[in-house]
Amino acid sequence: YYALEGLTQLMNTIARVQRKLNPRLVIEGVVFTMYDSRT
């Protein structure tokens, strides 16, 4: 349930790092974990 909340926060952090500290940083990708096909 709370996955998206943490993602928004992290994307903001990455954007700040790109602007101020490491402009070559990119998103490698999102990996979904602990997937339960029954839910």
PDB file of all heavy atoms in Angstrom:
ATOM      1  N   TYR A   1       0.784  -1.234   0.000  1.00  0.00           N
ATOM      2  CA  TYR A   1       0.000   0.000   0.000  1.00  0.00           C
ATOM      3  C   TYR A   1       0.818   1.288   0.000  1.00  0.00           C
ATOM      4  O   TYR A   1       0.520   2.217  -0.730  1.00  0.00           O
ATOM      5  CB  TYR A   1      -0.955  -0.015   1.203  1.00  0.00           C
ATOM      6  CG  TYR A   1      -1.861   1.181   1.244  1.00  0.00           C
ATOM      7  CD1 TYR A   1      -2.873   1.331   0.304  1.00  0.00           C
ATOM      8  CD2 TYR A   1      -1.698   2.173   2.208  1.00  0.00           C
ATOM      9  CE1 TYR A   1      -3.707   2.432   0.327  1.00  0.00           C
ATOM     10  CE2 TYR A   1      -2.524   3.265   2.233  1.00  0.00           C
ATOM     11  CZ  TYR A   1      -3.527   3.394   1.302  1.00  0.00           C
ATOM     12  OH  TYR A   1      -4.342   4.483   1.317  1.00  0.00           O
ATOM     13  N   TYR A   2       1.870   1.372   0.820  1.00  0.00           N
ATOM     14  CA  TYR A   2       2.605   2.636   0.957  1.00  0.00           C
ATOM     15  C   TYR A   2       3.739   2.805  -0.058  1.00  0.00           C
ATOM     16  O   TYR A   2       4.515   3.749   0.023  1.00  0.00           O
ATOM     17  CB  TYR A   2       3.177   2.763   2.377  1.00  0.00           C
ATOM     18  CG  TYR A   2       2.108   2.950   3.426  1.00  0.00           C
ATOM     19  CD1 TYR A   2       1.834   1.950   4.340  1.00  0.00           C
ATOM     20  CD2 TYR A   2       1.359   4.125   3.482  1.00  0.00           C
ATOM     21  CE1 TYR A   2       0.837   2.105   5.294  1.00  0.00           C
ATOM     22  CE2 TYR A   2       0.357   4.290   4.431  1.00  0.00           C
ATOM     23  CZ  TYR A   2       0.102   3.276   5.334  1.00  0.00           C
ATOM     24  OH  TYR A   2      -0.881   3.447   6.268  1.00  0.00           O
ATOM     25  N   ALA A   3       3.828   1.902  -1.014  1.00  0.00           N
ATOM     26  CA  ALA A   3       4.946   1.925  -1.961  1.00  0.00           C
ATOM     27  C   ALA A   3       5.054   3.243  -2.713  1.00  0.00           C
ATOM     28  O   ALA A   3       6.136   3.805  -2.874  1.00  0.00           O
ATOM     29  CB  ALA A   3       4.802   0.781  -2.956  1.00  0.00           C
ATOM     30  N   LEU A   4       3.925   3.773  -3.161  1.00  0.00           N
ATOM     31  CA  LEU A   4       3.947   4.970  -4.007  1.00  0.00           C
ATOM     32  C   LEU A   4       4.373   6.206  -3.233  1.00  0.00           C
ATOM     33  O   LEU A   4       5.009   7.103  -3.779  1.00  0.00           O
ATOM     34  CB  LEU A   4       2.576   5.192  -4.645  1.00  0.00           C
ATOM     35  CG  LEU A   4       2.122   4.055  -5.561  1.00  0.00           C
ATOM     36  CD1 LEU A   4       0.704   4.282  -6.045  1.00  0.00           C
ATOM     37  CD2 LEU A   4       3.064   3.910  -6.735  1.00  0.00           C
ATOM     38  N   GLU A   5       4.030   6.213  -1.948  1.00  0.00           N
ATOM     39  CA  GLU A   5       4.418   7.336  -1.084  1.00  0.00           C
ATOM     40  C   GLU A   5       5.945   7.463  -1.046  1.00  0.00           C
ATOM     41  O   GLU A   5       6.515   8.531  -1.242  1.00  0.00           O
ATOM     42  CB  GLU A   5       3.887   7.055   0.328  1.00  0.00           C
ATOM     43  CG  GLU A   5       3.635   8.276   1.161  1.00  0.00           C
ATOM     44  CD  GLU A   5       2.955   7.883   2.465  1.00  0.00           C
ATOM     45  OE1 GLU A   5       3.673   7.480   3.391  1.00  0.00           O
ATOM     46  OE2 GLU A   5       1.713   7.952   2.543  1.00  0.00           O
ATOM     47  N   GLY A   6       6.627   6.357  -0.821  1.00  0.00           N
ATOM     48  CA  GLY A   6       8.086   6.351  -0.762  1.00  0.00           C
ATOM     49  C   GLY A   6       8.714   6.679  -2.105  1.00  0.00           C
ATOM     50  O   GLY A   6       9.760   7.319  -2.168  1.00  0.00           O
ATOM     51  N   LEU A   7       8.053   6.258  -3.182  1.00  0.00           N
ATOM     52  CA  LEU A   7       8.597   6.489  -4.516  1.00  0.00           C
ATOM     53  C   LEU A   7       8.635   7.983  -4.856  1.00  0.00           C
ATOM     54  O   LEU A   7       9.622   8.480  -5.390  1.00  0.00           O
ATOM     55  CB  LEU A   7       7.773   5.732  -5.561  1.00  0.00           C
ATOM     56  CG  LEU A   7       8.224   5.891  -7.006  1.00  0.00           C
ATOM     57  CD1 LEU A   7       9.644   5.371  -7.193  1.00  0.00           C
ATOM     58  CD2 LEU A   7       7.272   5.167  -7.958  1.00  0.00           C
ATOM     59  N   THR A   8       7.565   8.681  -4.544  1.00  0.00           N
ATOM     60  CA  THR A   8       7.503  10.127  -4.815  1.00  0.00           C
ATOM     61  C   THR A   8       8.646  10.851  -4.108  1.00  0.00           C
ATOM     62  O   THR A   8       9.330  11.697  -4.688  1.00  0.00           O
ATOM     63  CB  THR A   8       6.154  10.705  -4.339  1.00  0.00           C
ATOM     64  OG1 THR A   8       5.109   9.968  -4.966  1.00  0.00           O
ATOM     65  CG2 THR A   8       6.011  12.165  -4.692  1.00  0.00           C
ATOM     66  N   GLN A   9       8.847  10.500  -2.853  1.00  0.00           N
ATOM     67  CA  GLN A   9       9.912  11.108  -2.042  1.00  0.00           C
ATOM     68  C   GLN A   9      11.284  10.841  -2.673  1.00  0.00           C
ATOM     69  O   GLN A   9      12.120  11.741  -2.797  1.00  0.00           O
ATOM     70  CB  GLN A   9       9.837  10.489  -0.643  1.00  0.00           C
ATOM     71  CG  GLN A   9      10.532  11.281   0.433  1.00  0.00           C
ATOM     72  CD  GLN A   9      10.391  10.582   1.785  1.00  0.00           C
ATOM     73  OE1 GLN A   9       9.890   9.473   1.895  1.00  0.00           O
ATOM     74  NE2 GLN A   9      10.851  11.244   2.829  1.00  0.00           N
ATOM     75  N   LEU A  10      11.495   9.586  -3.100  1.00  0.00           N
ATOM     76  CA  LEU A  10      12.780   9.216  -3.688  1.00  0.00           C
ATOM     77  C   LEU A  10      13.021   9.934  -5.016  1.00  0.00           C
ATOM     78  O   LEU A  10      14.128  10.410  -5.281  1.00  0.00           O
ATOM     79  CB  LEU A  10      12.846   7.700  -3.889  1.00  0.00           C
ATOM     80  CG  LEU A  10      14.152   7.165  -4.486  1.00  0.00           C
ATOM     81  CD1 LEU A  10      15.338   7.487  -3.586  1.00  0.00           C
ATOM     82  CD2 LEU A  10      14.064   5.665  -4.723  1.00  0.00           C
ATOM     83  N   MET A  11      11.997  10.047  -5.837  1.00  0.00           N
ATOM     84  CA  MET A  11      12.144  10.738  -7.129  1.00  0.00           C
ATOM     85  C   MET A  11      12.522  12.204  -6.921  1.00  0.00           C
ATOM     86  O   MET A  11      13.328  12.769  -7.661  1.00  0.00           O
ATOM     87  CB  MET A  11      10.862  10.628  -7.954  1.00  0.00           C
ATOM     88  CG  MET A  11      10.487   9.207  -8.336  1.00  0.00           C
ATOM     89  SD  MET A  11      11.771   8.299  -9.196  1.00  0.00           S
ATOM     90  CE  MET A  11      11.662   9.027 -10.801  1.00  0.00           C
ATOM     91  N   ASN A  12      11.952  12.817  -5.896  1.00  0.00           N
ATOM     92  CA  ASN A  12      12.306  14.211  -5.572  1.00  0.00           C
ATOM     93  C   ASN A  12      13.770  14.316  -5.153  1.00  0.00           C
ATOM     94  O   ASN A  12      14.478  15.252  -5.537  1.00  0.00           O
ATOM     95  CB  ASN A  12      11.405  14.751  -4.450  1.00  0.00           C
ATOM     96  CG  ASN A  12       9.981  14.957  -4.925  1.00  0.00           C
ATOM     97  OD1 ASN A  12       9.744  15.112  -6.119  1.00  0.00           O
ATOM     98  ND2 ASN A  12       9.032  14.968  -4.000  1.00  0.00           N
ATOM     99  N   THR A  13      14.220  13.360  -4.356  1.00  0.00           N
ATOM    100  CA  THR A  13      15.626  13.332  -3.919  1.00  0.00           C
ATOM    101  C   THR A  13      16.559  13.180  -5.111  1.00  0.00           C
ATOM    102  O   THR A  13      17.562  13.895  -5.229  1.00  0.00           O
ATOM    103  CB  THR A  13      15.848  12.154  -2.935  1.00  0.00           C
ATOM    104  OG1 THR A  13      15.057  12.377  -1.774  1.00  0.00           O
ATOM    105  CG2 THR A  13      17.302  12.035  -2.542  1.00  0.00           C
ATOM    106  N   ILE A  14      16.234  12.246  -5.997  1.00  0.00           N
ATOM    107  CA  ILE A  14      17.077  12.014  -7.186  1.00  0.00           C
ATOM    108  C   ILE A  14      17.145  13.282  -8.035  1.00  0.00           C
ATOM    109  O   ILE A  14      18.217  13.667  -8.514  1.00  0.00           O
ATOM    110  CB  ILE A  14      16.550  10.811  -7.995  1.00  0.00           C
ATOM    111  CG1 ILE A  14      16.758   9.517  -7.201  1.00  0.00           C
ATOM    112  CG2 ILE A  14      17.246  10.719  -9.358  1.00  0.00           C
ATOM    113  CD1 ILE A  14      16.031   8.309  -7.764  1.00  0.00           C
ATOM    114  N   ALA A  15      16.012  13.953  -8.193  1.00  0.00           N
ATOM    115  CA  ALA A  15      15.978  15.194  -8.989  1.00  0.00           C
ATOM    116  C   ALA A  15      16.877  16.263  -8.369  1.00  0.00           C
ATOM    117  O   ALA A  15      17.595  16.978  -9.075  1.00  0.00           O
ATOM    118  CB  ALA A  15      14.541  15.697  -9.101  1.00  0.00           C
ATOM    119  N   ARG A  16      16.877  16.358  -7.044  1.00  0.00           N
ATOM    120  CA  ARG A  16      17.724  17.342  -6.364  1.00  0.00           C
ATOM    121  C   ARG A  16      19.201  17.010  -6.545  1.00  0.00           C
ATOM    122  O   ARG A  16      20.030  17.894  -6.773  1.00  0.00           O
ATOM    123  CB  ARG A  16      17.384  17.419  -4.869  1.00  0.00           C
ATOM    124  CG  ARG A  16      16.108  18.186  -4.562  1.00  0.00           C
ATOM    125  CD  ARG A  16      16.069  18.648  -3.107  1.00  0.00           C
ATOM    126  NE  ARG A  16      16.156  17.558  -2.158  1.00  0.00           N
ATOM    127  CZ  ARG A  16      15.121  16.849  -1.729  1.00  0.00           C
ATOM    128  NH1 ARG A  16      13.906  17.099  -2.192  1.00  0.00           N
ATOM    129  NH2 ARG A  16      15.278  15.878  -0.864  1.00  0.00           N
ATOM    130  N   VAL A  17      19.541  15.734  -6.440  1.00  0.00           N
ATOM    131  CA  VAL A  17      20.935  15.306  -6.631  1.00  0.00           C
ATOM    132  C   VAL A  17      21.369  15.586  -8.076  1.00  0.00           C
ATOM    133  O   VAL A  17      22.482  16.055  -8.317  1.00  0.00           O
ATOM    134  CB  VAL A  17      21.102  13.801  -6.289  1.00  0.00           C
ATOM    135  CG1 VAL A  17      22.479  13.288  -6.703  1.00  0.00           C
ATOM    136  CG2 VAL A  17      20.908  13.576  -4.785  1.00  0.00           C
ATOM    137  N   GLN A  18      20.485  15.323  -9.029  1.00  0.00           N
ATOM    138  CA  GLN A  18      20.804  15.601 -10.444  1.00  0.00           C
ATOM    139  C   GLN A  18      21.095  17.087 -10.656  1.00  0.00           C
ATOM    140  O   GLN A  18      22.030  17.452 -11.369  1.00  0.00           O
ATOM    141  CB  GLN A  18      19.633  15.177 -11.343  1.00  0.00           C
ATOM    142  CG  GLN A  18      19.507  13.672 -11.528  1.00  0.00           C
ATOM    143  CD  GLN A  18      18.186  13.286 -12.183  1.00  0.00           C
ATOM    144  OE1 GLN A  18      17.152  13.933 -11.970  1.00  0.00           O
ATOM    145  NE2 GLN A  18      18.208  12.236 -12.986  1.00  0.00           N
ATOM    146  N   ARG A  19      20.298  17.936 -10.016  1.00  0.00           N
ATOM    147  CA  ARG A  19      20.449  19.392 -10.205  1.00  0.00           C
ATOM    148  C   ARG A  19      21.717  19.927  -9.558  1.00  0.00           C
ATOM    149  O   ARG A  19      22.406  20.767 -10.114  1.00  0.00           O
ATOM    150  CB  ARG A  19      19.240  20.144  -9.618  1.00  0.00           C
ATOM    151  CG  ARG A  19      18.004  20.128 -10.475  1.00  0.00           C
ATOM    152  CD  ARG A  19      17.018  21.197 -10.034  1.00  0.00           C
ATOM    153  NE  ARG A  19      16.726  21.168  -8.613  1.00  0.00           N
ATOM    154  CZ  ARG A  19      15.771  20.407  -8.074  1.00  0.00           C
ATOM    155  NH1 ARG A  19      15.042  19.617  -8.834  1.00  0.00           N
ATOM    156  NH2 ARG A  19      15.546  20.440  -6.771  1.00  0.00           N
ATOM    157  N   LYS A  20      22.037  19.432  -8.368  1.00  0.00           N
ATOM    158  CA  LYS A  20      23.073  20.081  -7.569  1.00  0.00           C
ATOM    159  C   LYS A  20      24.397  19.323  -7.466  1.00  0.00           C
ATOM    160  O   LYS A  20      25.446  19.922  -7.246  1.00  0.00           O
ATOM    161  CB  LYS A  20      22.541  20.343  -6.158  1.00  0.00           C
ATOM    162  CG  LYS A  20      21.374  21.326  -6.124  1.00  0.00           C
ATOM    163  CD  LYS A  20      20.854  21.511  -4.711  1.00  0.00           C
ATOM    164  CE  LYS A  20      19.672  22.467  -4.651  1.00  0.00           C
ATOM    165  NZ  LYS A  20      20.005  23.818  -5.052  1.00  0.00           N
ATOM    166  N   LEU A  21      24.373  17.990  -7.573  1.00  0.00           N
ATOM    167  CA  LEU A  21      25.570  17.213  -7.240  1.00  0.00           C
ATOM    168  C   LEU A  21      26.054  16.264  -8.334  1.00  0.00           C
ATOM    169  O   LEU A  21      27.255  16.058  -8.494  1.00  0.00           O
ATOM    170  CB  LEU A  21      25.317  16.396  -5.955  1.00  0.00           C
ATOM    171  CG  LEU A  21      25.037  17.200  -4.683  1.00  0.00           C
ATOM    172  CD1 LEU A  21      24.492  16.281  -3.599  1.00  0.00           C
ATOM    173  CD2 LEU A  21      26.289  17.910  -4.201  1.00  0.00           C
ATOM    174  N   ASN A  22      25.135  15.629  -9.064  1.00  0.00           N
ATOM    175  CA  ASN A  22      25.540  14.613 -10.044  1.00  0.00           C
ATOM    176  C   ASN A  22      24.596  14.658 -11.251  1.00  0.00           C
ATOM    177  O   ASN A  22      23.655  13.867 -11.357  1.00  0.00           O
ATOM    178  CB  ASN A  22      25.511  13.220  -9.398  1.00  0.00           C
ATOM    179  CG  ASN A  22      25.991  12.130 -10.349  1.00  0.00           C
ATOM    180  OD1 ASN A  22      26.430  12.399 -11.466  1.00  0.00           O
ATOM    181  ND2 ASN A  22      25.899  10.879  -9.915  1.00  0.00           N
ATOM    182  N   PRO A  23      24.867  15.569 -12.188  1.00  0.00           N
ATOM    183  CA  PRO A  23      23.963  15.745 -13.324  1.00  0.00           C
ATOM    184  C   PRO A  23      23.860  14.537 -14.252  1.00  0.00           C
ATOM    185  O   PRO A  23      22.906  14.411 -15.008  1.00  0.00           O
ATOM    186  CB  PRO A  23      24.553  16.951 -14.074  1.00  0.00           C
ATOM    187  CG  PRO A  23      25.936  17.118 -13.556  1.00  0.00           C
ATOM    188  CD  PRO A  23      25.967  16.543 -12.183  1.00  0.00           C
ATOM    189  N   ARG A  24      24.814  13.595 -14.168  1.00  0.00           N
ATOM    190  CA  ARG A  24      24.755  12.434 -15.070  1.00  0.00           C
ATOM    191  C   ARG A  24      23.937  11.274 -14.493  1.00  0.00           C
ATOM    192  O   ARG A  24      23.760  10.234 -15.144  1.00  0.00           O
ATOM    193  CB  ARG A  24      26.167  11.956 -15.427  1.00  0.00           C
ATOM    194  CG  ARG A  24      26.961  11.464 -14.254  1.00  0.00           C
ATOM    195  CD  ARG A  24      28.432  11.244 -14.574  1.00  0.00           C
ATOM    196  NE  ARG A  24      29.176  10.954 -13.365  1.00  0.00           N
ATOM    197  CZ  ARG A  24      29.237   9.764 -12.785  1.00  0.00           C
ATOM    198  NH1 ARG A  24      28.605   8.735 -13.310  1.00  0.00           N
ATOM    199  NH2 ARG A  24      29.938   9.580 -11.680  1.00  0.00           N
ATOM    200  N   LEU A  25      23.424  11.443 -13.293  1.00  0.00           N
ATOM    201  CA  LEU A  25      22.636  10.380 -12.650  1.00  0.00           C
ATOM    202  C   LEU A  25      21.308  10.163 -13.384  1.00  0.00           C
ATOM    203  O   LEU A  25      20.603  11.111 -13.686  1.00  0.00           O
ATOM    204  CB  LEU A  25      22.359  10.769 -11.191  1.00  0.00           C
ATOM    205  CG  LEU A  25      21.695   9.707 -10.305  1.00  0.00           C
ATOM    206  CD1 LEU A  25      22.633   8.529 -10.065  1.00  0.00           C
ATOM    207  CD2 LEU A  25      21.269  10.323  -8.966  1.00  0.00           C
ATOM    208  N   VAL A  26      20.987   8.893 -13.668  1.00  0.00           N
ATOM    209  CA  VAL A  26      19.716   8.570 -14.322  1.00  0.00           C
ATOM    210  C   VAL A  26      19.001   7.468 -13.535  1.00  0.00           C
ATOM    211  O   VAL A  26      19.591   6.835 -12.660  1.00  0.00           O
ATOM    212  CB  VAL A  26      19.923   8.108 -15.795  1.00  0.00           C
ATOM    213  CG1 VAL A  26      20.538   9.214 -16.623  1.00  0.00           C
ATOM    214  CG2 VAL A  26      20.777   6.837 -15.859  1.00  0.00           C
ATOM    215  N   ILE A  27      17.740   7.247 -13.888  1.00  0.00           N
ATOM    216  CA  ILE A  27      16.997   6.135 -13.291  1.00  0.00           C
ATOM    217  C   ILE A  27      17.353   4.868 -14.046  1.00  0.00           C
ATOM    218  O   ILE A  27      17.124   4.770 -15.248  1.00  0.00           O
ATOM    219  CB  ILE A  27      15.465   6.367 -13.378  1.00  0.00           C
ATOM    220  CG1 ILE A  27      15.056   7.710 -12.766  1.00  0.00           C
ATOM    221  CG2 ILE A  27      14.714   5.202 -12.715  1.00  0.00           C
ATOM    222  CD1 ILE A  27      15.213   7.800 -11.287  1.00  0.00           C
ATOM    223  N   GLU A  28      17.934   3.907 -13.361  1.00  0.00           N
ATOM    224  CA  GLU A  28      18.232   2.600 -13.964  1.00  0.00           C
ATOM    225  C   GLU A  28      16.931   1.859 -14.229  1.00  0.00           C
ATOM    226  O   GLU A  28      16.737   1.267 -15.281  1.00  0.00           O
ATOM    227  CB  GLU A  28      19.125   1.789 -13.012  1.00  0.00           C
ATOM    228  CG  GLU A  28      19.415   0.374 -13.453  1.00  0.00           C
ATOM    229  CD  GLU A  28      20.333   0.325 -14.662  1.00  0.00           C
ATOM    230  OE1 GLU A  28      21.192   1.203 -14.825  1.00  0.00           O
ATOM    231  OE2 GLU A  28      20.158  -0.607 -15.459  1.00  0.00           O
ATOM    232  N   GLY A  29      16.051   1.896 -13.233  1.00  0.00           N
ATOM    233  CA  GLY A  29      14.756   1.239 -13.388  1.00  0.00           C
ATOM    234  C   GLY A  29      14.127   0.931 -12.041  1.00  0.00           C
ATOM    235  O   GLY A  29      14.771   1.005 -10.995  1.00  0.00           O
ATOM    236  N   VAL A  30      12.847   0.610 -12.098  1.00  0.00           N
ATOM    237  CA  VAL A  30      12.089   0.187 -10.918  1.00  0.00           C
ATOM    238  C   VAL A  30      11.923  -1.325 -10.993  1.00  0.00           C
ATOM    239  O   VAL A  30      11.580  -1.869 -12.048  1.00  0.00           O
ATOM    240  CB  VAL A  30      10.703   0.870 -10.886  1.00  0.00           C
ATOM    241  CG1 VAL A  30       9.801   0.233  -9.836  1.00  0.00           C
ATOM    242  CG2 VAL A  30      10.848   2.363 -10.629  1.00  0.00           C
ATOM    243  N   VAL A  31      12.199  -2.000  -9.880  1.00  0.00           N
ATOM    244  CA  VAL A  31      11.990  -3.453  -9.792  1.00  0.00           C
ATOM    245  C   VAL A  31      10.898  -3.710  -8.763  1.00  0.00           C
ATOM    246  O   VAL A  31      11.018  -3.277  -7.609  1.00  0.00           O
ATOM    247  CB  VAL A  31      13.279  -4.189  -9.344  1.00  0.00           C
ATOM    248  CG1 VAL A  31      13.000  -5.671  -9.170  1.00  0.00           C
ATOM    249  CG2 VAL A  31      14.387  -3.988 -10.343  1.00  0.00           C
ATOM    250  N   PHE A  32       9.859  -4.394  -9.174  1.00  0.00           N
ATOM    251  CA  PHE A  32       8.778  -4.739  -8.245  1.00  0.00           C
ATOM    252  C   PHE A  32       9.172  -5.979  -7.460  1.00  0.00           C
ATOM    253  O   PHE A  32       9.596  -6.986  -8.039  1.00  0.00           O
ATOM    254  CB  PHE A  32       7.472  -4.992  -9.009  1.00  0.00           C
ATOM    255  CG  PHE A  32       6.970  -3.780  -9.740  1.00  0.00           C
ATOM    256  CD1 PHE A  32       7.092  -3.682 -11.117  1.00  0.00           C
ATOM    257  CD2 PHE A  32       6.399  -2.721  -9.052  1.00  0.00           C
ATOM    258  CE1 PHE A  32       6.647  -2.561 -11.797  1.00  0.00           C
ATOM    259  CE2 PHE A  32       5.958  -1.588  -9.725  1.00  0.00           C
ATOM    260  CZ  PHE A  32       6.080  -1.509 -11.099  1.00  0.00           C
ATOM    261  N   THR A  33       9.039  -5.902  -6.131  1.00  0.00           N
ATOM    262  CA  THR A  33       9.420  -7.016  -5.263  1.00  0.00           C
ATOM    263  C   THR A  33       8.227  -7.468  -4.417  1.00  0.00           C
ATOM    264  O   THR A  33       7.247  -6.740  -4.282  1.00  0.00           O
ATOM    265  CB  THR A  33      10.564  -6.607  -4.310  1.00  0.00           C
ATOM    266  OG1 THR A  33      10.092  -5.560  -3.451  1.00  0.00           O
ATOM    267  CG2 THR A  33      11.782  -6.111  -5.082  1.00  0.00           C
ATOM    268  N   MET A  34       8.351  -8.672  -3.865  1.00  0.00           N
ATOM    269  CA  MET A  34       7.336  -9.231  -2.952  1.00  0.00           C
ATOM    270  C   MET A  34       5.952  -9.229  -3.590  1.00  0.00           C
ATOM    271  O   MET A  34       4.951  -8.938  -2.945  1.00  0.00           O
ATOM    272  CB  MET A  34       7.327  -8.463  -1.619  1.00  0.00           C
ATOM    273  CG  MET A  34       8.683  -8.427  -0.954  1.00  0.00           C
ATOM    274  SD  MET A  34       8.643  -7.539   0.617  1.00  0.00           S
ATOM    275  CE  MET A  34      10.331  -6.956   0.701  1.00  0.00           C
ATOM    276  N   TYR A  35       5.914  -9.546  -4.883  1.00  0.00           N
ATOM    277  CA  TYR A  35       4.651  -9.565  -5.624  1.00  0.00           C
ATOM    278  C   TYR A  35       3.863 -10.806  -5.247  1.00  0.00           C
ATOM    279  O   TYR A  35       4.362 -11.925  -5.296  1.00  0.00           O
ATOM    280  CB  TYR A  35       4.939  -9.557  -7.133  1.00  0.00           C
ATOM    281  CG  TYR A  35       3.702  -9.491  -7.986  1.00  0.00           C
ATOM    282  CD1 TYR A  35       3.151  -8.263  -8.351  1.00  0.00           C
ATOM    283  CD2 TYR A  35       3.071 -10.651  -8.437  1.00  0.00           C
ATOM    284  CE1 TYR A  35       2.016  -8.191  -9.144  1.00  0.00           C
ATOM    285  CE2 TYR A  35       1.936 -10.595  -9.232  1.00  0.00           C
ATOM    286  CZ  TYR A  35       1.419  -9.356  -9.574  1.00  0.00           C
ATOM    287  OH  TYR A  35       0.280  -9.283 -10.355  1.00  0.00           O
ATOM    288  N   ASP A  36       2.616 -10.600  -4.867  1.00  0.00           N
ATOM    289  CA  ASP A  36       1.737 -11.712  -4.498  1.00  0.00           C
ATOM    290  C   ASP A  36       0.598 -11.767  -5.511  1.00  0.00           C
ATOM    291  O   ASP A  36      -0.292 -10.920  -5.501  1.00  0.00           O
ATOM    292  CB  ASP A  36       1.192 -11.500  -3.081  1.00  0.00           C
ATOM    293  CG  ASP A  36       0.433 -12.722  -2.560  1.00  0.00           C
ATOM    294  OD1 ASP A  36       0.027 -13.566  -3.385  1.00  0.00           O
ATOM    295  OD2 ASP A  36       0.237 -12.829  -1.337  1.00  0.00           O
ATOM    296  N   SER A  37       0.631 -12.751  -6.372  1.00  0.00           N
ATOM    297  CA  SER A  37      -0.354 -12.834  -7.464  1.00  0.00           C
ATOM    298  C   SER A  37      -1.768 -13.108  -6.954  1.00  0.00           C
ATOM    299  O   SER A  37      -2.740 -12.965  -7.695  1.00  0.00           O
ATOM    300  CB  SER A  37       0.054 -13.925  -8.457  1.00  0.00           C
ATOM    301  OG  SER A  37       0.201 -15.164  -7.783  1.00  0.00           O
ATOM    302  N   ARG A  38      -1.895 -13.480  -5.670  1.00  0.00           N
ATOM    303  CA  ARG A  38      -3.229 -13.762  -5.126  1.00  0.00           C
ATOM    304  C   ARG A  38      -3.979 -12.499  -4.714  1.00  0.00           C
ATOM    305  O   ARG A  38      -5.157 -12.555  -4.411  1.00  0.00           O
ATOM    306  CB  ARG A  38      -3.107 -14.687  -3.899  1.00  0.00           C
ATOM    307  CG  ARG A  38      -2.506 -16.054  -4.218  1.00  0.00           C
ATOM    308  CD  ARG A  38      -2.124 -16.778  -2.953  1.00  0.00           C
ATOM    309  NE  ARG A  38      -1.178 -15.992  -2.164  1.00  0.00           N
ATOM    310  CZ  ARG A  38      -0.706 -16.364  -0.978  1.00  0.00           C
ATOM    311  NH1 ARG A  38      -1.095 -17.511  -0.452  1.00  0.00           N
ATOM    312  NH2 ARG A  38       0.141 -15.598  -0.328  1.00  0.00           N
ATOM    313  N   THR A  39      -3.272 -11.360  -4.665  1.00  0.00           N
ATOM    314  CA  THR A  39      -3.931 -10.134  -4.199  1.00  0.00           C
ATOM    315  C   THR A  39      -4.091  -9.120  -5.329  1.00  0.00           C
ATOM    316  O   THR A  39      -3.245  -8.996  -6.208  1.00  0.00           O
ATOM    317  CB  THR A  39      -3.113  -9.461  -3.068  1.00  0.00           C
ATOM    318  OG1 THR A  39      -1.892  -8.962  -3.628  1.00  0.00           O
ATOM    319  CG2 THR A  39      -2.797 -10.430  -1.949  1.00  0.00           C
TER     320      THR A  39
END
